[in-house]
């Protein structure tokens, strides 16, 4: 068991937090759209499969939401 409190997120203005969450959400959507377009064009390859990056952006957005007590 760790004998210290968890770190607190930085004290950012609410608009900045919302902007970071929005950016992460939009990056995930953009990368999904890129993959969909490549599939439609018949050019999808394992090298341009961005699924792990998409999940990373989603994780980042959710982590920001959770870090700021779900206020955003």
N, C-alpha and C. Protein backbone atom coordinates (compact mmCIF):
# COMPACT_ATOMS: atom_id res chain seq x y z
N UNK A 1 0.85 -1.20 0.00
CA UNK A 1 0.00 0.00 0.00
C UNK A 1 0.88 1.24 0.00
N UNK A 2 0.52 2.22 -0.79
CA UNK A 2 1.28 3.46 -0.89
C UNK A 2 0.89 4.37 0.27
N UNK A 3 1.89 4.94 0.88
CA UNK A 3 1.68 5.79 2.06
C UNK A 3 1.61 7.28 1.73
N UNK A 4 1.19 7.63 0.54
CA UNK A 4 1.09 9.04 0.16
C UNK A 4 -0.20 9.26 -0.60
N UNK A 5 -0.72 10.47 -0.57
CA UNK A 5 -1.95 10.75 -1.33
C UNK A 5 -1.64 10.80 -2.83
N UNK A 6 -2.63 10.53 -3.66
CA UNK A 6 -2.41 10.62 -5.10
C UNK A 6 -2.18 12.08 -5.51
N UNK A 7 -1.47 12.30 -6.60
CA UNK A 7 -1.26 13.67 -7.06
C UNK A 7 -2.57 14.31 -7.50
N UNK A 8 -2.65 15.59 -7.34
CA UNK A 8 -3.83 16.36 -7.77
C UNK A 8 -3.58 16.88 -9.19
N UNK A 9 -4.62 16.96 -10.01
CA UNK A 9 -4.42 17.52 -11.35
C UNK A 9 -4.12 19.01 -11.25
N UNK A 10 -3.46 19.56 -12.26
CA UNK A 10 -3.15 20.99 -12.22
C UNK A 10 -4.42 21.84 -12.14
N UNK A 11 -4.30 22.96 -11.52
CA UNK A 11 -5.44 23.88 -11.39
C UNK A 11 -5.54 24.70 -12.67
N UNK A 12 -6.36 24.22 -13.59
CA UNK A 12 -6.54 24.90 -14.87
C UNK A 12 -7.91 25.54 -14.94
N UNK A 13 -8.00 26.56 -15.77
CA UNK A 13 -9.30 27.21 -15.98
C UNK A 13 -10.24 26.21 -16.64
N UNK A 14 -11.51 26.21 -16.27
CA UNK A 14 -12.48 25.26 -16.84
C UNK A 14 -12.48 25.24 -18.37
N UNK A 15 -12.34 26.41 -19.00
CA UNK A 15 -12.33 26.46 -20.47
C UNK A 15 -11.14 25.69 -21.04
N UNK A 16 -10.01 25.74 -20.37
CA UNK A 16 -8.82 25.02 -20.84
C UNK A 16 -9.03 23.52 -20.72
N UNK A 17 -9.64 23.09 -19.62
CA UNK A 17 -9.92 21.67 -19.42
C UNK A 17 -10.89 21.18 -20.49
N UNK A 18 -11.94 21.92 -20.71
CA UNK A 18 -12.92 21.55 -21.75
C UNK A 18 -12.25 21.48 -23.12
N UNK A 19 -11.35 22.41 -23.40
CA UNK A 19 -10.66 22.43 -24.69
C UNK A 19 -9.77 21.20 -24.85
N UNK A 20 -9.08 20.80 -23.80
CA UNK A 20 -8.23 19.61 -23.87
C UNK A 20 -9.06 18.34 -24.08
N UNK A 21 -10.17 18.24 -23.38
CA UNK A 21 -11.06 17.09 -23.55
C UNK A 21 -11.62 17.06 -24.96
N UNK A 22 -12.06 18.20 -25.45
CA UNK A 22 -12.60 18.30 -26.80
C UNK A 22 -11.55 17.92 -27.84
N UNK A 23 -10.33 18.37 -27.64
CA UNK A 23 -9.24 18.05 -28.57
C UNK A 23 -9.03 16.54 -28.63
N UNK A 24 -8.97 15.90 -27.48
CA UNK A 24 -8.77 14.45 -27.45
C UNK A 24 -9.93 13.73 -28.14
N UNK A 25 -11.15 14.16 -27.87
CA UNK A 25 -12.32 13.55 -28.53
C UNK A 25 -12.27 13.74 -30.04
N UNK A 26 -11.91 14.94 -30.48
CA UNK A 26 -11.85 15.21 -31.92
C UNK A 26 -10.74 14.44 -32.61
N UNK A 27 -9.60 14.26 -31.92
CA UNK A 27 -8.50 13.48 -32.50
C UNK A 27 -8.94 12.03 -32.71
N UNK A 28 -9.64 11.47 -31.74
CA UNK A 28 -10.14 10.10 -31.88
C UNK A 28 -11.08 10.00 -33.07
N UNK A 29 -12.00 10.94 -33.17
CA UNK A 29 -12.96 10.93 -34.28
C UNK A 29 -12.26 11.10 -35.63
N UNK A 30 -11.28 11.98 -35.69
CA UNK A 30 -10.54 12.22 -36.93
C UNK A 30 -9.82 10.96 -37.39
N UNK A 31 -9.14 10.30 -36.45
CA UNK A 31 -8.39 9.10 -36.81
C UNK A 31 -9.33 7.97 -37.22
N UNK A 32 -10.48 7.88 -36.57
CA UNK A 32 -11.46 6.88 -36.99
C UNK A 32 -11.94 7.16 -38.41
N UNK A 33 -12.19 8.42 -38.71
CA UNK A 33 -12.63 8.80 -40.06
C UNK A 33 -11.56 8.48 -41.10
N UNK A 34 -10.30 8.71 -40.75
CA UNK A 34 -9.21 8.37 -41.67
C UNK A 34 -9.19 6.87 -41.96
N UNK A 35 -9.33 6.07 -40.92
CA UNK A 35 -9.32 4.62 -41.12
C UNK A 35 -10.51 4.18 -41.97
N UNK A 36 -11.68 4.77 -41.71
CA UNK A 36 -12.88 4.43 -42.48
C UNK A 36 -12.68 4.78 -43.96
N UNK A 37 -12.13 5.94 -44.23
CA UNK A 37 -11.88 6.33 -45.61
C UNK A 37 -10.93 5.36 -46.30
N UNK A 38 -9.87 4.98 -45.62
CA UNK A 38 -8.93 4.03 -46.21
C UNK A 38 -9.60 2.68 -46.49
N UNK A 39 -10.48 2.24 -45.58
CA UNK A 39 -11.21 0.99 -45.83
C UNK A 39 -12.10 1.14 -47.07
N UNK A 40 -12.80 2.27 -47.16
CA UNK A 40 -13.69 2.50 -48.32
C UNK A 40 -12.92 2.55 -49.63
N UNK A 41 -11.71 3.07 -49.58
CA UNK A 41 -10.87 3.16 -50.79
C UNK A 41 -10.13 1.87 -51.07
N UNK A 42 -10.26 0.90 -50.19
CA UNK A 42 -9.56 -0.37 -50.36
C UNK A 42 -8.08 -0.26 -50.10
N UNK A 43 -7.66 0.72 -49.31
CA UNK A 43 -6.25 0.93 -49.04
C UNK A 43 -5.86 0.67 -47.59
N UNK A 44 -6.74 0.03 -46.84
CA UNK A 44 -6.43 -0.26 -45.44
C UNK A 44 -5.32 -1.31 -45.35
N UNK A 45 -4.35 -1.05 -44.51
CA UNK A 45 -3.26 -1.99 -44.27
C UNK A 45 -3.00 -2.02 -42.76
N UNK A 46 -2.30 -3.05 -42.30
CA UNK A 46 -1.96 -3.08 -40.87
C UNK A 46 -1.15 -1.86 -40.43
N UNK A 47 -0.36 -1.33 -41.34
CA UNK A 47 0.47 -0.17 -41.00
C UNK A 47 -0.35 1.10 -40.73
N UNK A 48 -1.52 1.23 -41.36
CA UNK A 48 -2.32 2.43 -41.12
C UNK A 48 -3.55 2.15 -40.26
N UNK A 49 -3.48 1.07 -39.49
CA UNK A 49 -4.53 0.79 -38.51
C UNK A 49 -4.22 1.63 -37.26
N UNK A 50 -5.04 2.62 -37.02
CA UNK A 50 -4.81 3.57 -35.92
C UNK A 50 -5.67 3.25 -34.69
N UNK A 51 -6.18 2.03 -34.62
CA UNK A 51 -7.10 1.67 -33.54
C UNK A 51 -6.50 1.91 -32.16
N UNK A 52 -5.25 1.55 -31.97
CA UNK A 52 -4.62 1.75 -30.66
C UNK A 52 -4.47 3.23 -30.32
N UNK A 53 -4.17 4.03 -31.33
CA UNK A 53 -4.07 5.48 -31.10
C UNK A 53 -5.44 6.07 -30.78
N UNK A 54 -6.46 5.61 -31.47
CA UNK A 54 -7.83 6.07 -31.19
C UNK A 54 -8.19 5.76 -29.75
N UNK A 55 -7.92 4.54 -29.33
CA UNK A 55 -8.22 4.16 -27.94
C UNK A 55 -7.40 5.01 -26.96
N UNK A 56 -6.18 5.34 -27.32
CA UNK A 56 -5.35 6.20 -26.47
C UNK A 56 -5.95 7.59 -26.31
N UNK A 57 -6.45 8.16 -27.40
CA UNK A 57 -7.10 9.48 -27.32
C UNK A 57 -8.37 9.41 -26.49
N UNK A 58 -9.13 8.33 -26.65
CA UNK A 58 -10.34 8.17 -25.84
C UNK A 58 -9.99 8.04 -24.36
N UNK A 59 -8.96 7.27 -24.08
CA UNK A 59 -8.49 7.09 -22.70
C UNK A 59 -8.06 8.42 -22.11
N UNK A 60 -7.35 9.22 -22.91
CA UNK A 60 -6.89 10.53 -22.46
C UNK A 60 -8.07 11.43 -22.13
N UNK A 61 -9.07 11.47 -23.01
CA UNK A 61 -10.25 12.30 -22.76
C UNK A 61 -10.95 11.86 -21.48
N UNK A 62 -11.12 10.55 -21.32
CA UNK A 62 -11.81 10.06 -20.13
C UNK A 62 -10.97 10.30 -18.88
N UNK A 63 -9.67 10.16 -19.00
CA UNK A 63 -8.79 10.43 -17.87
C UNK A 63 -8.88 11.88 -17.42
N UNK A 64 -8.96 12.80 -18.37
CA UNK A 64 -9.12 14.21 -18.01
C UNK A 64 -10.46 14.43 -17.32
N UNK A 65 -11.52 13.83 -17.85
CA UNK A 65 -12.82 13.96 -17.21
C UNK A 65 -12.78 13.43 -15.78
N UNK A 66 -12.20 12.26 -15.61
CA UNK A 66 -12.13 11.63 -14.28
C UNK A 66 -11.25 12.44 -13.33
N UNK A 67 -10.15 12.97 -13.83
CA UNK A 67 -9.23 13.74 -12.98
C UNK A 67 -9.87 15.00 -12.44
N UNK A 68 -10.79 15.54 -13.20
CA UNK A 68 -11.46 16.76 -12.75
C UNK A 68 -12.86 16.44 -12.23
N UNK A 69 -12.97 15.28 -11.57
CA UNK A 69 -14.19 14.86 -10.86
C UNK A 69 -15.42 14.81 -11.75
N UNK A 70 -15.25 14.53 -13.03
CA UNK A 70 -16.40 14.41 -13.89
C UNK A 70 -17.15 15.70 -14.11
N UNK A 71 -16.52 16.83 -13.79
CA UNK A 71 -17.19 18.13 -13.96
C UNK A 71 -17.32 18.50 -15.43
N UNK A 72 -16.60 17.79 -16.30
CA UNK A 72 -16.57 18.20 -17.70
C UNK A 72 -16.98 17.07 -18.61
